[in-house]
N, C-alpha and C. Protein backbone atom coordinates (compact mmCIF):
# COMPACT_ATOMS: atom_id res chain seq x y z
N MET A 1 65.31 99.80 105.65
CA MET A 1 65.64 101.21 105.54
C MET A 1 66.29 101.72 106.83
N LYS A 2 65.83 101.18 107.96
CA LYS A 2 66.41 101.61 109.22
C LYS A 2 67.88 101.22 109.31
N ASP A 3 68.18 100.05 108.78
CA ASP A 3 69.57 99.60 108.80
C ASP A 3 70.46 100.53 107.98
N MET A 4 69.93 100.99 106.85
CA MET A 4 70.71 101.88 105.99
C MET A 4 70.96 103.21 106.69
N LYS A 5 69.94 103.75 107.37
CA LYS A 5 70.10 105.01 108.09
C LYS A 5 71.10 104.84 109.24
N ALA A 6 71.01 103.72 109.92
CA ALA A 6 71.93 103.46 111.03
C ALA A 6 73.36 103.32 110.51
N MET A 7 73.50 102.69 109.36
CA MET A 7 74.83 102.53 108.77
C MET A 7 75.41 103.88 108.35
N ILE A 8 74.58 104.72 107.75
CA ILE A 8 75.05 106.04 107.33
C ILE A 8 75.43 106.87 108.55
N ARG A 9 74.62 106.80 109.60
CA ARG A 9 74.92 107.55 110.82
C ARG A 9 76.22 107.06 111.45
N MET A 10 76.38 105.74 111.49
CA MET A 10 77.61 105.18 112.05
C MET A 10 78.82 105.60 111.22
N TRP A 11 78.67 105.61 109.91
CA TRP A 11 79.78 105.99 109.04
C TRP A 11 80.16 107.46 109.24
N THR A 12 79.17 108.34 109.38
CA THR A 12 79.48 109.76 109.58
C THR A 12 80.15 109.98 110.93
N LEU A 13 79.71 109.25 111.94
CA LEU A 13 80.37 109.36 113.24
C LEU A 13 81.80 108.82 113.17
N PHE A 14 81.98 107.74 112.47
CA PHE A 14 83.31 107.16 112.31
C PHE A 14 84.21 108.09 111.52
N ASP A 15 83.65 108.74 110.52
CA ASP A 15 84.43 109.65 109.68
C ASP A 15 84.89 110.87 110.47
N ARG A 16 84.08 111.32 111.41
CA ARG A 16 84.44 112.49 112.21
C ARG A 16 85.49 112.19 113.27
N ASP A 17 85.49 110.97 113.77
CA ASP A 17 86.40 110.61 114.86
C ASP A 17 87.78 110.27 114.31
N GLU A 18 88.68 111.23 114.33
CA GLU A 18 90.04 111.02 113.85
C GLU A 18 91.07 111.26 114.96
N SER A 19 90.64 111.12 116.20
CA SER A 19 91.54 111.43 117.32
C SER A 19 92.71 110.47 117.41
N GLY A 20 92.53 109.22 117.05
CA GLY A 20 93.62 108.25 117.14
C GLY A 20 94.49 108.18 115.91
N GLN A 21 94.10 108.90 114.87
CA GLN A 21 94.83 108.83 113.61
C GLN A 21 96.26 109.34 113.76
N ASP A 22 96.45 110.46 114.45
CA ASP A 22 97.79 111.02 114.62
C ASP A 22 98.70 110.06 115.38
N LEU A 23 98.16 109.44 116.40
CA LEU A 23 98.95 108.50 117.20
C LEU A 23 99.43 107.33 116.35
N ILE A 24 98.56 106.82 115.51
CA ILE A 24 98.94 105.70 114.64
C ILE A 24 100.00 106.13 113.64
N GLU A 25 99.85 107.33 113.09
CA GLU A 25 100.84 107.82 112.12
C GLU A 25 102.21 107.98 112.78
N TYR A 26 102.24 108.54 113.98
CA TYR A 26 103.52 108.69 114.69
C TYR A 26 104.13 107.33 115.01
N ALA A 27 103.29 106.37 115.39
CA ALA A 27 103.79 105.03 115.70
C ALA A 27 104.39 104.38 114.45
N LEU A 28 103.77 104.58 113.30
CA LEU A 28 104.32 104.03 112.06
C LEU A 28 105.65 104.68 111.70
N VAL A 29 105.76 105.99 111.91
CA VAL A 29 107.02 106.69 111.62
C VAL A 29 108.12 106.17 112.54
N VAL A 30 107.82 106.02 113.81
CA VAL A 30 108.81 105.52 114.77
C VAL A 30 109.22 104.10 114.41
N ALA A 31 108.27 103.28 114.00
CA ALA A 31 108.59 101.90 113.62
C ALA A 31 109.50 101.86 112.40
N LEU A 32 109.24 102.72 111.42
CA LEU A 32 110.10 102.77 110.23
C LEU A 32 111.50 103.25 110.56
N ILE A 33 111.60 104.24 111.45
CA ILE A 33 112.92 104.73 111.86
C ILE A 33 113.68 103.63 112.60
N ALA A 34 112.99 102.91 113.47
CA ALA A 34 113.64 101.82 114.21
C ALA A 34 114.11 100.72 113.27
N LEU A 35 113.31 100.42 112.26
CA LEU A 35 113.69 99.40 111.29
C LEU A 35 114.92 99.84 110.50
N ALA A 36 114.94 101.09 110.08
CA ALA A 36 116.10 101.60 109.34
C ALA A 36 117.35 101.62 110.22
N ALA A 37 117.20 102.02 111.47
CA ALA A 37 118.34 102.05 112.38
C ALA A 37 118.89 100.65 112.62
N THR A 38 118.01 99.68 112.77
CA THR A 38 118.44 98.30 112.97
C THR A 38 119.21 97.78 111.76
N ALA A 39 118.70 98.08 110.58
CA ALA A 39 119.39 97.64 109.36
C ALA A 39 120.75 98.32 109.24
N GLY A 40 120.81 99.61 109.57
CA GLY A 40 122.08 100.33 109.51
C GLY A 40 123.08 99.82 110.52
N MET A 41 122.62 99.52 111.72
CA MET A 41 123.52 99.02 112.75
C MET A 41 124.05 97.63 112.40
N SER A 42 123.22 96.84 111.75
CA SER A 42 123.66 95.51 111.33
C SER A 42 124.79 95.61 110.31
N ALA A 43 124.64 96.50 109.36
CA ALA A 43 125.69 96.70 108.36
C ALA A 43 126.95 97.27 109.01
N LEU A 44 126.78 98.19 109.93
CA LEU A 44 127.92 98.78 110.63
C LEU A 44 128.65 97.74 111.47
N ALA A 45 127.91 96.88 112.14
CA ALA A 45 128.53 95.83 112.96
C ALA A 45 129.35 94.89 112.11
N SER A 46 128.88 94.58 110.93
CA SER A 46 129.63 93.71 110.03
C SER A 46 130.95 94.36 109.62
N GLY A 47 130.91 95.64 109.32
CA GLY A 47 132.14 96.36 108.95
C GLY A 47 133.13 96.45 110.10
N ILE A 48 132.63 96.69 111.29
CA ILE A 48 133.50 96.77 112.47
C ILE A 48 134.12 95.41 112.75
N ASN A 49 133.34 94.35 112.59
CA ASN A 49 133.86 93.00 112.80
C ASN A 49 135.00 92.70 111.83
N LYS A 50 134.84 93.07 110.58
CA LYS A 50 135.90 92.85 109.59
C LYS A 50 137.15 93.65 109.94
N ALA A 51 136.97 94.88 110.41
CA ALA A 51 138.12 95.71 110.77
C ALA A 51 138.88 95.10 111.95
N PHE A 52 138.18 94.66 112.98
CA PHE A 52 138.85 94.07 114.13
C PHE A 52 139.52 92.74 113.77
N THR A 53 138.92 91.99 112.86
CA THR A 53 139.54 90.75 112.40
C THR A 53 140.86 91.04 111.70
N ALA A 54 140.87 92.08 110.86
CA ALA A 54 142.10 92.46 110.16
C ALA A 54 143.16 92.93 111.14
N ILE A 55 142.77 93.75 112.11
CA ILE A 55 143.71 94.24 113.12
C ILE A 55 144.26 93.08 113.93
N SER A 56 143.39 92.15 114.32
CA SER A 56 143.83 90.98 115.08
C SER A 56 144.82 90.14 114.29
N SER A 57 144.58 90.00 113.01
CA SER A 57 145.48 89.24 112.15
C SER A 57 146.85 89.90 112.08
N ILE A 58 146.87 91.21 111.93
CA ILE A 58 148.14 91.94 111.85
C ILE A 58 148.89 91.86 113.17
N LEU A 59 148.18 92.08 114.28
CA LEU A 59 148.83 92.03 115.59
C LEU A 59 149.29 90.61 115.93
N GLY A 60 148.57 89.61 115.45
CA GLY A 60 148.93 88.23 115.72
C GLY A 60 150.29 87.86 115.12
N LYS A 61 150.65 88.50 114.04
CA LYS A 61 151.96 88.24 113.42
C LYS A 61 153.10 88.70 114.32
N TYR A 62 152.88 89.79 115.06
CA TYR A 62 153.94 90.34 115.91
C TYR A 62 153.99 89.71 117.29
N VAL A 63 152.90 89.19 117.75
CA VAL A 63 152.85 88.62 119.09
C VAL A 63 153.42 87.20 119.10
N SER A 64 153.15 86.43 118.12
CA SER A 64 153.58 85.03 118.14
C SER A 64 154.96 84.84 117.63
C-alpha cells in the first residue's frame, strides 16, 4: 500500500511540473522549421545547378 501511495504522490508531482514542456515544444518547432528549410534549399540548389548548366552550355557555344 505504501508503494501505491508513493506512486500516486510521485505522479501528482510529475503532473504538476510542466516547466520544461514549453522548451521542448519550441525545440520541436525549430527542428521542424530547420528540416523544412533544408529540404527547400536542396530543391532550390538543384534548380540553380540546372540553370547554370544551361547558361554554361549556351555560353560555351560562343566561346569555343
